[in-house]
Amino acid sequence: MLNKIGLDPIALEISWNGLKSVTDECFLTIMRSAFSTNIKERHDHSTAIADAQGRLIVQAEYALPIHLASMAGLMTCIIEQYGDTIAPGDIFIGNDPHVAGGTHLPDINLAMPVFAQGRLVGFVANIVHHADVGGAAVGSMSGGLDEIYKEGLRIPIVRLYSKGVLQDDLMRLLLLNMRLPEERKGDLNAQIAAARLGERRLQEFMARNGAAHLEAVFDDIVRRTNLRMRNAIAQLPDGDYAFSDVMDDDGAGTEDIRINLVIHKSGERIIFDFDGTDKQVPGNFNLTLNATQSAVCFSLKALLDPEVPNNQGIFDAVEIRAPLGSFVNCVAPASVALRANTCQRVVDIVIGALARALPDRAIGAANGANTSAVFAGIDPRTGKQYIYLETLGGGMGARATKDGKDGVQVNITNTSNLPVEAIEIEYPLRVEEYALVEDSGGAGKFRGGLGIRRTIRPVDHDCEFNGVGERFRNRPWGIFGGAAGKTGRFLMLGGEGGEQSLPPKATGVRLTSRMAAVIETPGAGGYGLPQERSEVLLREDIESGKFSPEFIAANYKK
């Protein structure tokens, strides 16, 4: 039922949950149908529903925040490029950050239109991080790639299906340019199945309720989200809030890349101004504006109203000013494969800027990275190539009332840990150590979370290791007197040198079965003065084995 301000709350809630269940079912379909461990085990994918204008309406419960603006960008590009020629049965595909609304090439977007009596009413969309999309480096995620052409296959917005018919020549072209084409095809088929399922479920929704009701629900969801977000913004004290931080390096020779932010808040209006941020860099840590938007909107939602739905209503409540050609609003042919690391840092910066206004909600810097590891070689059991890709969690920043969590994915990533059993079954690799990094959480009244240490050895073959780390030099800062957390590092064990340090952007490292790679992710910053930490918590720190007596003695002097 409609009233003067839209749908009545009960009807809206029922419809909202119905649409949410559609995106959740599509998410599970991809997870259960995909071939690669990055999807079926780590869940590096997202699903959503958009309206006919391309506004994002609903995102799945377990979707990744970093994917939100990417799917919105895809919708905008489809409508701009295809307009009235969009037809029932079409499925669009794209991944390019510069022309297809994406944020990096491994994230392949699919979208399928939904029609009612010949009229476009919306889209179902999904995005999957593919373990390889071609390019100069195995896994398409190596550091030091200095232009997007080296990062993999660039896909503009094109029709993969036209009026229900697969464009087989296009599919063959895509698969020819990607490593492990059978696995890529399996993951793409999972995306196609999810898109078709979502379209069918929306048809069923309209059969029960009508297309007009669906469109009214779309409008009301966005309107109410926007109103709720603006009300939350209005509660912030007016003023200007500044913060800055630096990235270690871009893997291509540029060090200490500065991100500068001033937040201007007045009434219901909030502006995120990145003026003064360094220009885009040769290495592949740059952000397109879509990626910056995802990080900013996630941060604000997390601080002000964590339960508000993820949709266009949040985007419309926020204004972002980022100089064109800067590190956070790059232009072609800038490389962007490792943009998640920079997004993590943007989140830390937003939280740091608003800490003065929201001290009870602020946290110390998290691990500030998306530490990635790629192992690739020929599986001696099958004679076939394999690619193991994982991004590892680290420390979460300490909070006003609690310690930071240990060894978790934080902020804009929401992927799962890949179990040791899954790695060793799927790949010819042995995980010899999986532990928390002792003493890696910053001291404070509440201490920062610990990083992860994982040691992996190839079994009966040689393989290639590529690793990408951030906060390997600049430590994750503490807040309100809290100490900084520990940096991360890569090591190589065995070989001629015993234990050997590897660079933060380690590329093409050859490992034999007598060698192993060690990945240590950063910890996180503490909250509050260390001398205010309770004796009970200090005793637990030592008894848990997470902190050494020497660390406690050096950092918690009463």
Protein backbone atom coordinates (compact mmCIF):
# COMPACT_ATOMS: atom_id res chain seq x y z
CA MET A 1 0.00 0.00 0.00
CA LEU A 2 1.16 3.52 -0.85
CA ASN A 3 0.72 6.51 1.40
CA LYS A 4 1.83 10.14 1.19
CA ILE A 5 5.47 9.29 1.89
CA GLY A 6 5.67 6.02 -0.04
CA LEU A 7 5.07 2.41 0.95
CA ASP A 8 3.80 1.65 4.41
CA PRO A 9 6.59 0.31 6.64
CA ILE A 10 5.25 -3.26 6.84
CA ALA A 11 4.90 -3.65 3.07
CA LEU A 12 8.34 -2.14 2.55
CA GLU A 13 9.98 -4.43 5.12
CA ILE A 14 8.41 -7.53 3.58
CA SER A 15 9.49 -6.50 0.08
CA TRP A 16 12.95 -5.45 1.26
CA ASN A 17 13.57 -8.85 2.81
CA GLY A 18 12.25 -10.53 -0.32
CA LEU A 19 14.74 -8.67 -2.48
CA LYS A 20 17.51 -9.32 0.04
CA SER A 21 16.79 -13.04 -0.17
CA VAL A 22 17.20 -12.85 -3.96
CA THR A 23 20.69 -11.36 -3.70
CA ASP A 24 21.63 -13.82 -0.96
CA GLU A 25 20.45 -16.78 -3.04
CA CYS A 26 22.45 -15.52 -6.02
CA PHE A 27 25.51 -15.13 -3.77
CA LEU A 28 25.19 -18.74 -2.57
CA THR A 29 24.68 -19.96 -6.14
CA ILE A 30 28.04 -18.53 -7.17
CA MET A 31 29.74 -19.87 -4.06
CA ARG A 32 28.40 -23.40 -4.63
CA SER A 33 28.91 -23.47 -8.40
CA ALA A 34 32.31 -21.82 -8.86
CA PHE A 35 35.44 -23.81 -9.69
CA SER A 36 38.12 -21.70 -7.99
CA THR A 37 38.91 -21.79 -4.28
CA ASN A 38 38.99 -18.00 -4.26
CA ILE A 39 35.22 -18.10 -4.76
CA LYS A 40 33.95 -21.37 -3.32
CA GLU A 41 36.09 -21.13 -0.16
CA ARG A 42 37.05 -17.45 0.26
CA HIS A 43 33.83 -15.95 -1.16
CA ASP A 44 35.51 -13.12 -3.05
CA HIS A 45 32.33 -12.16 -4.88
CA SER A 46 29.21 -10.02 -4.53
CA THR A 47 25.65 -9.86 -5.87
CA ALA A 48 23.18 -7.00 -6.13
CA ILE A 49 19.98 -5.62 -7.64
CA ALA A 50 19.76 -2.27 -9.45
CA ASP A 51 16.84 -0.29 -10.84
CA ALA A 52 16.27 0.81 -14.44
CA GLN A 53 18.30 4.00 -13.85
CA GLY A 54 21.26 1.94 -12.69
CA ARG A 55 20.92 2.87 -9.03
CA LEU A 56 22.14 0.11 -6.73
CA ILE A 57 19.25 -0.99 -4.51
CA VAL A 58 20.16 -4.16 -2.60
CA GLN A 59 23.46 -5.92 -1.93
CA ALA A 60 23.80 -9.46 -0.55
CA GLU A 61 24.42 -9.93 3.18
CA TYR A 62 27.94 -11.32 2.67
CA ALA A 63 28.90 -9.14 -0.27
CA LEU A 64 32.13 -7.14 -0.14
CA PRO A 65 31.94 -3.39 0.54
CA ILE A 66 34.69 -2.74 -2.01
CA HIS A 67 32.45 -4.12 -4.76
CA LEU A 68 29.56 -1.72 -4.12
CA ALA A 69 30.62 1.21 -6.32
CA SER A 70 32.09 -1.14 -8.93
CA MET A 71 28.69 -2.68 -9.62
CA ALA A 72 27.11 0.77 -9.62
CA GLY A 73 29.71 1.89 -12.17
CA LEU A 74 28.88 -1.09 -14.37
CA MET A 75 25.18 -0.14 -14.37
CA THR A 76 25.92 3.43 -15.39
CA CYS A 77 28.11 2.29 -18.28
CA ILE A 78 25.53 -0.21 -19.56
CA ILE A 79 22.77 2.39 -19.64
CA GLU A 80 24.99 5.05 -21.22
CA GLN A 81 26.32 2.73 -23.93
CA TYR A 82 23.31 0.58 -24.76
CA GLY A 83 20.24 2.56 -23.67
CA ASP A 84 17.11 1.57 -25.60
CA THR A 85 18.84 -1.39 -27.28
CA ILE A 86 18.95 -3.39 -24.02
CA ALA A 87 16.79 -6.46 -24.57
CA PRO A 88 15.40 -9.38 -22.53
CA GLY A 89 17.94 -12.20 -22.31
CA ASP A 90 20.96 -9.92 -22.64
CA ILE A 91 23.83 -10.47 -20.23
CA PHE A 92 26.51 -7.80 -20.14
CA ILE A 93 30.11 -8.34 -19.06
CA GLY A 94 32.91 -5.92 -18.25
CA ASN A 95 35.89 -5.37 -15.97
CA ASP A 96 37.82 -2.32 -17.13
CA PRO A 97 38.33 0.37 -14.47
CA HIS A 98 38.65 3.17 -17.00
CA VAL A 99 35.79 2.45 -19.42
CA ALA A 100 33.53 -0.14 -17.74
CA GLY A 101 33.06 1.15 -14.21
CA GLY A 102 35.30 -1.48 -12.61
CA THR A 103 38.00 -1.02 -10.00
CA HIS A 104 40.54 -3.65 -11.12
CA LEU A 105 40.69 -6.23 -13.91
CA PRO A 106 40.36 -9.48 -11.89
CA ASP A 107 36.88 -8.37 -10.77
CA ILE A 108 34.62 -9.35 -13.67
CA ASN A 109 31.13 -7.85 -13.56
CA LEU A 110 28.02 -9.43 -15.07
CA ALA A 111 24.58 -7.82 -15.30
CA MET A 112 21.27 -9.04 -16.69
CA PRO A 113 18.30 -6.75 -17.36
CA VAL A 114 14.85 -7.47 -15.95
CA PHE A 115 11.80 -6.58 -18.05
CA ALA A 116 8.08 -6.38 -17.36
CA GLN A 117 5.78 -6.37 -20.40
CA GLY A 118 8.59 -5.12 -22.61
CA ARG A 119 9.67 -2.36 -20.21
CA LEU A 120 13.03 -2.32 -18.41
CA VAL A 121 12.51 -2.28 -14.64
CA GLY A 122 15.94 -3.21 -13.29
CA PHE A 123 19.04 -5.38 -13.34
CA VAL A 124 20.55 -8.23 -11.40
CA ALA A 125 24.32 -7.99 -11.13
CA ASN A 126 27.25 -9.90 -9.75
CA ILE A 127 30.99 -9.54 -9.51
CA VAL A 128 33.64 -12.23 -9.06
CA HIS A 129 37.37 -11.93 -8.42
CA HIS A 130 38.92 -14.32 -10.95
CA ALA A 131 42.23 -15.87 -9.94
CA ASP A 132 43.78 -14.82 -13.27
CA VAL A 133 42.75 -12.58 -16.16
CA GLY A 134 45.98 -12.76 -18.13
CA GLY A 135 48.67 -10.11 -18.23
CA ALA A 136 52.36 -10.13 -17.42
CA ALA A 137 52.16 -11.85 -14.03
CA VAL A 138 50.53 -15.07 -12.91
CA GLY A 139 47.46 -14.19 -10.87
CA SER A 140 47.21 -10.70 -12.42
CA MET A 141 48.00 -9.17 -9.00
CA SER A 142 51.78 -8.73 -8.99
CA GLY A 143 53.43 -5.52 -7.84
CA GLY A 144 55.35 -3.19 -10.12
CA LEU A 145 53.09 -3.36 -13.19
CA ASP A 146 53.27 0.18 -14.51
CA GLU A 147 50.33 0.33 -16.92
CA ILE A 148 46.98 -1.36 -17.10
CA TYR A 149 47.86 -3.18 -20.33
CA LYS A 150 50.27 -5.35 -18.31
CA GLU A 151 47.65 -6.26 -15.71
CA GLY A 152 45.44 -8.47 -17.84
CA LEU A 153 42.63 -8.53 -20.36
CA ARG A 154 40.64 -5.30 -20.50
CA ILE A 155 36.95 -5.96 -21.11
CA PRO A 156 34.72 -2.99 -21.99
CA ILE A 157 30.97 -3.34 -21.50
CA VAL A 158 29.92 -5.91 -24.10
CA ARG A 159 27.10 -8.41 -24.51
CA LEU A 160 28.12 -11.92 -23.48
CA TYR A 161 24.56 -13.02 -24.24
CA SER A 162 22.38 -11.24 -26.80
CA LYS A 163 18.65 -11.92 -26.40
CA GLY A 164 19.45 -15.19 -24.64
CA VAL A 165 22.08 -16.40 -27.14
CA LEU A 166 25.69 -16.88 -26.01
CA GLN A 167 28.20 -14.93 -28.08
CA ASP A 168 30.49 -17.93 -28.34
CA ASP A 169 33.22 -16.12 -30.24
CA LEU A 170 33.47 -13.58 -27.42
CA MET A 171 33.66 -16.32 -24.78
CA ARG A 172 36.47 -18.03 -26.72
CA LEU A 173 38.34 -14.73 -27.00
CA LEU A 174 38.07 -14.11 -23.26
CA LEU A 175 39.20 -17.59 -22.25
CA LEU A 176 42.13 -17.60 -24.69
CA ASN A 177 43.62 -14.61 -22.87
CA MET A 178 43.33 -16.02 -19.34
CA ARG A 179 45.37 -18.66 -17.56
CA LEU A 180 43.49 -21.79 -16.47
CA PRO A 181 40.67 -21.27 -19.00
CA GLU A 182 38.65 -24.24 -17.73
CA GLU A 183 38.56 -22.75 -14.24
CA ARG A 184 37.73 -19.30 -15.63
CA LYS A 185 34.88 -20.77 -17.68
CA GLY A 186 33.54 -22.55 -14.61
CA ASP A 187 33.55 -19.33 -12.60
CA LEU A 188 31.93 -17.39 -15.45
CA ASN A 189 29.23 -20.05 -15.77
CA ALA A 190 28.56 -19.68 -12.04
CA GLN A 191 28.08 -15.95 -12.58
CA ILE A 192 25.76 -16.57 -15.54
CA ALA A 193 23.69 -19.04 -13.51
CA ALA A 194 23.36 -16.53 -10.67
CA ALA A 195 22.29 -13.75 -13.04
CA ARG A 196 19.60 -15.95 -14.60
CA LEU A 197 18.41 -17.06 -11.18
CA GLY A 198 18.15 -13.46 -9.99
CA GLU A 199 16.19 -12.43 -13.08
CA ARG A 200 13.80 -15.34 -12.59
CA ARG A 201 13.26 -14.49 -8.92
CA LEU A 202 12.43 -10.87 -9.76
CA GLN A 203 9.93 -12.07 -12.37
CA GLU A 204 8.31 -14.18 -9.65
CA PHE A 205 8.27 -11.15 -7.33
CA MET A 206 6.49 -9.08 -9.99
CA ALA A 207 4.03 -11.88 -10.69
CA ARG A 208 2.98 -11.70 -7.03
CA ASN A 209 3.14 -7.95 -6.50
CA GLY A 210 3.31 -6.18 -9.86
CA ALA A 211 6.05 -4.19 -11.58
CA ALA A 212 4.75 -0.89 -10.21
CA HIS A 213 5.13 -2.20 -6.67
CA LEU A 214 8.72 -3.31 -7.38
CA GLU A 215 9.61 0.12 -8.72
CA ALA A 216 7.97 1.81 -5.74
CA VAL A 217 10.02 -0.42 -3.43
CA PHE A 218 13.21 0.56 -5.28
CA ASP A 219 12.44 4.26 -4.87
CA ASP A 220 11.47 3.95 -1.23
CA ILE A 221 14.57 1.94 -0.28
CA VAL A 222 16.89 4.56 -1.76
CA ARG A 223 14.89 7.47 -0.33
CA ARG A 224 14.74 6.05 3.18
CA THR A 225 18.41 5.06 3.14
CA ASN A 226 19.38 8.55 2.04
CA LEU A 227 17.20 10.17 4.71
CA ARG A 228 18.62 7.90 7.39
CA MET A 229 22.18 8.61 6.30
CA ARG A 230 21.63 12.38 6.19
CA ASN A 231 20.10 12.29 9.66
CA ALA A 232 23.18 10.45 10.93
CA ILE A 233 25.46 12.99 9.24
CA ALA A 234 23.52 15.83 10.87
CA GLN A 235 24.44 14.42 14.30
CA LEU A 236 28.15 14.98 13.62
CA PRO A 237 29.50 18.26 15.01
CA ASP A 238 30.01 20.82 12.24
CA GLY A 239 33.60 21.55 11.36
CA ASP A 240 36.63 20.57 9.29
CA TYR A 241 38.45 17.33 10.08
CA ALA A 242 41.85 16.62 8.54
CA PHE A 243 44.08 13.57 8.40
CA SER A 244 46.77 12.14 6.14
CA ASP A 245 48.82 8.99 5.78
CA VAL A 246 51.40 7.51 3.42
CA MET A 247 51.59 4.27 1.48
CA ASP A 248 54.95 2.46 1.59
CA ASP A 249 55.61 2.39 -2.15
CA ASP A 250 54.04 1.48 -5.49
CA GLY A 251 56.43 -1.33 -6.42
CA ALA A 252 57.73 0.73 -9.33
CA GLY A 253 60.07 3.15 -7.57
CA THR A 254 57.73 5.68 -5.93
CA GLU A 255 57.90 5.74 -2.13
CA ASP A 256 55.84 7.41 0.61
CA ILE A 257 52.75 8.16 -1.45
CA ARG A 258 50.68 10.68 0.48
CA ILE A 259 46.90 10.62 0.78
CA ASN A 260 45.53 13.86 2.19
CA LEU A 261 41.94 14.31 3.36
CA VAL A 262 39.91 17.17 4.78
CA ILE A 263 36.29 16.44 5.70
CA HIS A 264 34.00 19.47 5.62
CA LYS A 265 30.80 18.95 7.62
CA SER A 266 27.89 21.41 7.81
CA GLY A 267 24.37 20.33 8.72
CA GLU A 268 23.38 17.35 6.58
CA ARG A 269 26.14 18.04 4.07
CA ILE A 270 29.50 16.28 4.18
CA ILE A 271 32.35 16.71 1.71
CA PHE A 272 35.44 14.50 1.49
CA ASP A 273 38.17 16.62 -0.08
CA PHE A 274 41.34 14.83 -1.19
CA ASP A 275 43.09 17.97 -2.44
CA GLY A 276 46.81 17.71 -1.74
CA THR A 277 46.93 13.97 -2.37
CA ASP A 278 49.86 12.87 -4.52
CA LYS A 279 49.42 12.38 -8.24
CA GLN A 280 48.78 8.93 -9.69
CA VAL A 281 51.85 6.72 -9.62
CA PRO A 282 53.42 4.33 -12.14
CA GLY A 283 52.79 1.27 -9.94
CA ASN A 284 49.45 -0.46 -9.62
CA PHE A 285 48.09 0.97 -6.35
CA ASN A 286 46.07 3.78 -7.93
CA LEU A 287 42.34 4.19 -7.31
CA THR A 288 39.63 5.06 -9.77
CA LEU A 289 36.96 7.33 -8.32
CA ASN A 290 34.59 4.34 -7.96
CA ALA A 291 37.08 2.61 -5.66
CA THR A 292 37.56 5.75 -3.58
CA GLN A 293 33.78 6.11 -3.32
CA SER A 294 33.43 2.55 -2.00
CA ALA A 295 36.05 3.17 0.70
CA VAL A 296 34.64 6.55 1.78
CA CYS A 297 31.01 5.39 1.91
CA PHE A 298 31.91 2.23 3.80
CA SER A 299 33.85 4.25 6.38
CA LEU A 300 31.06 6.74 6.97
CA LYS A 301 28.41 4.03 7.21
CA ALA A 302 30.55 2.01 9.65
CA LEU A 303 31.07 5.03 11.89
CA LEU A 304 27.60 6.59 11.78
CA ASP A 305 25.05 3.85 11.09
CA PRO A 306 26.42 0.33 10.51
CA GLU A 307 22.94 -1.11 9.93
CA VAL A 308 21.91 1.23 7.11
CA PRO A 309 21.51 -0.71 3.82
CA ASN A 310 24.23 -0.53 1.17
CA ASN A 311 22.72 1.27 -1.81
CA GLN A 312 22.57 4.45 -3.85
CA GLY A 313 21.09 6.34 -0.92
CA ILE A 314 24.49 6.35 0.80
CA PHE A 315 26.28 7.54 -2.36
CA ASP A 316 23.82 10.42 -2.75
CA ALA A 317 24.48 11.62 0.82
CA VAL A 318 28.22 12.02 0.26
CA GLU A 319 30.22 14.44 -1.87
CA ILE A 320 33.75 13.48 -2.89
CA ARG A 321 36.28 15.89 -4.33
CA ALA A 322 39.34 14.15 -5.72
CA PRO A 323 41.64 15.88 -8.22
CA LEU A 324 41.57 14.18 -11.62
CA GLY A 325 44.83 12.36 -12.21
CA SER A 326 45.53 12.00 -8.51
CA PHE A 327 46.31 8.80 -6.61
CA VAL A 328 42.64 8.51 -5.61
CA ASN A 329 41.10 9.49 -8.98
CA CYS A 330 43.45 8.14 -11.61
CA VAL A 331 43.07 8.23 -15.38
CA ALA A 332 44.05 5.75 -18.10
CA PRO A 333 46.39 4.03 -18.57
CA ALA A 334 47.03 4.00 -14.81
CA SER A 335 47.45 0.53 -13.32
CA VAL A 336 45.13 -0.38 -10.45
CA ALA A 337 45.37 -4.12 -9.72
CA LEU A 338 46.35 -3.64 -6.06
CA ARG A 339 43.79 -0.94 -5.33
CA ALA A 340 42.38 -2.80 -2.29
CA ASN A 341 45.51 -1.88 -0.32
CA THR A 342 44.89 1.79 -1.01
CA CYS A 343 41.18 1.46 -0.21
CA GLN A 344 42.14 0.03 3.17
CA ARG A 345 44.33 3.06 3.79
CA VAL A 346 41.54 5.46 2.76
CA VAL A 347 39.28 3.81 5.36
CA ASP A 348 41.94 4.30 8.05
CA ILE A 349 42.30 7.95 7.02
CA VAL A 350 38.55 8.64 7.20
CA ILE A 351 38.38 7.03 10.66
CA GLY A 352 41.47 8.96 11.75
CA ALA A 353 39.97 12.24 10.53
CA LEU A 354 36.69 11.72 12.41
CA ALA A 355 38.28 10.37 15.60
CA ARG A 356 38.09 13.77 17.27
CA ALA A 357 34.37 14.02 16.53
CA LEU A 358 33.60 10.38 17.36
CA PRO A 359 36.15 9.23 19.97
CA ASP A 360 33.92 6.40 21.21
CA ARG A 361 33.59 4.94 17.71
CA ALA A 362 37.11 5.54 16.40
CA ILE A 363 39.67 2.74 16.25
CA GLY A 364 43.42 2.50 15.83
CA ALA A 365 44.75 1.90 12.33
CA ALA A 366 44.05 -1.60 11.07
CA ASN A 367 46.66 -3.61 9.20
CA GLY A 368 46.00 -1.19 6.34
CA ALA A 369 46.72 -3.70 3.61
CA ASN A 370 45.36 -6.45 1.44
CA THR A 371 48.41 -8.68 1.72
CA SER A 372 48.34 -11.05 -1.24
CA ALA A 373 50.19 -14.26 -2.03
CA VAL A 374 50.21 -16.14 -5.32
CA PHE A 375 51.80 -19.56 -5.78
CA ALA A 376 51.81 -20.96 -9.32
CA GLY A 377 53.36 -23.96 -11.04
CA ILE A 378 52.68 -27.36 -12.57
CA ASP A 379 50.92 -29.78 -10.25
CA PRO A 380 53.07 -32.97 -10.25
CA ARG A 381 49.94 -35.02 -9.47
CA THR A 382 48.12 -33.99 -12.65
CA GLY A 383 50.65 -32.33 -14.94
CA LYS A 384 48.37 -29.28 -15.12
CA GLN A 385 49.03 -25.67 -14.20
CA TYR A 386 47.65 -24.36 -10.92
CA ILE A 387 47.31 -20.88 -9.41
CA TYR A 388 46.75 -20.44 -5.69
CA LEU A 389 45.74 -16.89 -4.86
CA GLU A 390 44.86 -15.58 -1.44
CA THR A 391 44.69 -12.25 0.32
CA LEU A 392 45.43 -12.65 4.01
CA GLY A 393 43.94 -10.78 6.94
CA GLY A 394 45.85 -9.05 9.71
CA GLY A 395 45.25 -7.01 12.81
CA MET A 396 42.15 -4.94 13.46
CA GLY A 397 42.61 -1.64 15.26
CA ALA A 398 41.87 -1.39 18.97
CA ARG A 399 38.52 0.12 19.95
CA ALA A 400 37.41 2.45 22.73
CA THR A 401 36.22 -0.45 24.88
CA LYS A 402 37.82 -3.57 23.38
CA ASP A 403 41.05 -4.95 21.99
CA GLY A 404 41.37 -5.23 18.23
CA LYS A 405 40.61 -8.61 16.68
CA ASP A 406 43.49 -10.84 15.62
CA GLY A 407 44.10 -12.17 12.12
CA VAL A 408 40.95 -10.98 10.37
CA GLN A 409 39.91 -9.33 7.14
CA VAL A 410 38.98 -5.75 7.97
CA ASN A 411 37.12 -2.80 6.51
CA ILE A 412 36.28 -3.01 2.81
CA THR A 413 37.25 -6.67 2.42
CA ASN A 414 34.93 -9.33 3.74
CA THR A 415 36.47 -12.54 2.43
CA SER A 416 36.91 -15.73 4.39
CA ASN A 417 40.11 -17.43 5.49
CA LEU A 418 41.11 -20.26 3.15
CA PRO A 419 41.41 -23.36 5.36
CA VAL A 420 44.71 -25.20 5.42
CA GLU A 421 42.91 -28.41 4.47
CA ALA A 422 41.49 -26.79 1.34
CA ILE A 423 44.91 -25.51 0.27
CA GLU A 424 46.62 -28.87 0.70
CA ILE A 425 43.83 -30.82 -1.03
CA GLU A 426 43.50 -28.43 -3.96
CA TYR A 427 47.16 -27.58 -4.55
CA PRO A 428 50.58 -29.31 -4.32
CA LEU A 429 51.50 -27.12 -1.36
CA ARG A 430 52.13 -27.78 2.31
CA VAL A 431 51.21 -25.23 4.97
CA GLU A 432 53.92 -25.73 7.59
CA GLU A 433 52.89 -22.93 9.90
CA TYR A 434 49.74 -20.91 10.45
CA ALA A 435 49.94 -18.67 13.49
CA LEU A 436 49.47 -15.21 14.91
CA VAL A 437 52.52 -12.93 14.89
CA GLU A 438 53.66 -12.47 18.48
CA ASP A 439 53.93 -8.87 19.73
CA SER A 440 52.46 -7.42 16.52
CA GLY A 441 49.52 -5.54 18.11
CA GLY A 442 50.20 -1.99 19.22
CA ALA A 443 50.15 -1.37 22.97
CA GLY A 444 47.40 0.69 24.55
CA LYS A 445 44.62 0.74 27.09
CA PHE A 446 43.20 -1.63 24.51
CA ARG A 447 45.78 -3.28 22.30
CA GLY A 448 45.72 -3.66 18.52
CA GLY A 449 45.02 -6.96 16.79
CA LEU A 450 47.78 -9.34 15.73
CA GLY A 451 48.91 -10.16 12.22
CA ILE A 452 49.07 -13.62 10.63
CA ARG A 453 52.13 -15.75 9.85
CA ARG A 454 51.77 -18.45 7.22
CA THR A 455 54.63 -20.62 5.91
CA ILE A 456 54.01 -22.49 2.65
CA ARG A 457 56.27 -24.97 0.83
CA PRO A 458 55.82 -26.50 -2.65
CA VAL A 459 55.62 -30.32 -2.61
CA ASP A 460 57.69 -32.30 -5.14
CA HIS A 461 57.99 -29.46 -7.64
CA ASP A 462 59.27 -25.93 -8.20
CA CYS A 463 56.84 -23.01 -8.18
CA GLU A 464 56.69 -19.25 -8.53
CA PHE A 465 55.77 -16.95 -5.65
CA ASN A 466 54.43 -13.42 -6.04
CA GLY A 467 53.64 -11.41 -2.92
CA VAL A 468 52.33 -7.91 -2.37
CA GLY A 469 52.48 -6.22 1.01
CA GLU A 470 51.68 -2.79 2.44
CA ARG A 471 52.51 -1.39 5.86
CA PHE A 472 55.75 -3.30 5.56
CA ARG A 473 57.59 -0.05 6.32
CA ASN A 474 55.09 2.47 7.72
CA ARG A 475 53.56 1.03 10.88
CA PRO A 476 49.79 1.05 11.57
CA TRP A 477 49.34 3.99 13.92
CA GLY A 478 47.72 4.00 17.32
CA ILE A 479 45.12 6.49 18.52
CA PHE A 480 44.65 8.63 21.64
CA GLY A 481 48.06 7.59 22.95
CA GLY A 482 47.98 4.01 21.68
CA ALA A 483 51.17 2.62 20.15
CA ALA A 484 51.67 1.59 16.54
CA GLY A 485 51.37 -2.03 15.49
CA LYS A 486 54.09 -4.10 13.87
CA THR A 487 54.81 -4.05 10.14
CA GLY A 488 54.51 -7.09 7.88
CA ARG A 489 57.20 -8.89 5.88
CA PHE A 490 57.94 -11.67 3.38
CA LEU A 491 60.70 -14.23 3.96
CA MET A 492 62.17 -17.14 2.02
CA LEU A 493 63.38 -20.15 4.00
CA GLY A 494 65.97 -22.62 2.74
CA GLY A 495 68.14 -22.24 -0.31
CA GLU A 496 71.64 -20.88 0.00
CA GLY A 497 70.94 -18.12 2.50
CA GLY A 498 68.94 -19.91 5.20
CA GLU A 499 66.38 -17.20 5.99
CA GLN A 500 66.24 -14.44 3.42
CA SER A 501 64.15 -11.26 3.37
CA LEU A 502 62.03 -10.66 0.29
CA PRO A 503 60.89 -7.24 -0.97
CA PRO A 504 57.38 -6.04 -0.10
CA LYS A 505 56.41 -6.42 -3.73
CA ALA A 506 58.06 -9.78 -4.40
CA THR A 507 57.71 -10.89 -8.01
CA GLY A 508 58.83 -14.06 -9.77
CA VAL A 509 60.46 -15.70 -6.73
CA ARG A 510 61.39 -19.30 -7.58
CA LEU A 511 60.82 -21.85 -4.83
CA THR A 512 61.99 -25.46 -4.84
CA SER A 513 60.60 -28.18 -2.60
CA ARG A 514 63.49 -27.46 -0.21
CA MET A 515 62.35 -23.85 0.15
CA ALA A 516 59.33 -22.12 1.66
CA ALA A 517 57.76 -18.67 1.57
CA VAL A 518 56.73 -16.95 4.79
CA ILE A 519 53.97 -14.34 4.78
CA GLU A 520 53.66 -12.14 7.86
CA THR A 521 50.84 -9.59 7.75
CA PRO A 522 50.85 -6.34 9.75
CA GLY A 523 49.28 -5.96 13.17
CA ALA A 524 47.21 -2.94 14.18
CA GLY A 525 47.36 0.17 16.33
CA GLY A 526 46.36 0.46 19.98
CA TYR A 527 43.77 2.75 21.60
CA GLY A 528 44.50 4.86 24.66
CA LEU A 529 47.53 5.14 26.91
CA PRO A 530 49.31 1.82 27.59
CA GLN A 531 49.69 2.63 31.30
CA GLU A 532 45.89 2.56 31.59
CA ARG A 533 45.67 -1.11 30.59
CA SER A 534 44.32 -3.28 33.39
CA GLU A 535 46.48 -5.86 35.15
CA VAL A 536 43.90 -8.52 34.27
CA LEU A 537 44.29 -7.85 30.55
CA LEU A 538 48.08 -7.72 30.81
CA ARG A 539 48.10 -11.10 32.50
CA GLU A 540 45.87 -12.50 29.76
CA ASP A 541 48.24 -11.08 27.13
CA ILE A 542 51.14 -13.09 28.54
CA GLU A 543 49.20 -16.26 29.35
CA SER A 544 47.72 -16.38 25.85
CA GLY A 545 51.19 -16.42 24.31
CA LYS A 546 50.25 -13.51 22.05
CA PHE A 547 52.70 -11.15 23.74
CA SER A 548 56.10 -11.84 25.24
CA PRO A 549 57.07 -10.77 28.78
CA GLU A 550 59.74 -8.57 27.19
CA PHE A 551 57.13 -6.74 25.09
CA ILE A 552 54.91 -6.21 28.13
CA ALA A 553 57.82 -4.89 30.20
CA ALA A 554 58.95 -2.50 27.47
CA ASN A 555 55.54 -1.11 26.52
CA TYR A 556 53.49 -1.12 29.72
CA LYS A 557 55.59 0.72 32.26
CA LYS A 558 53.36 1.82 35.13
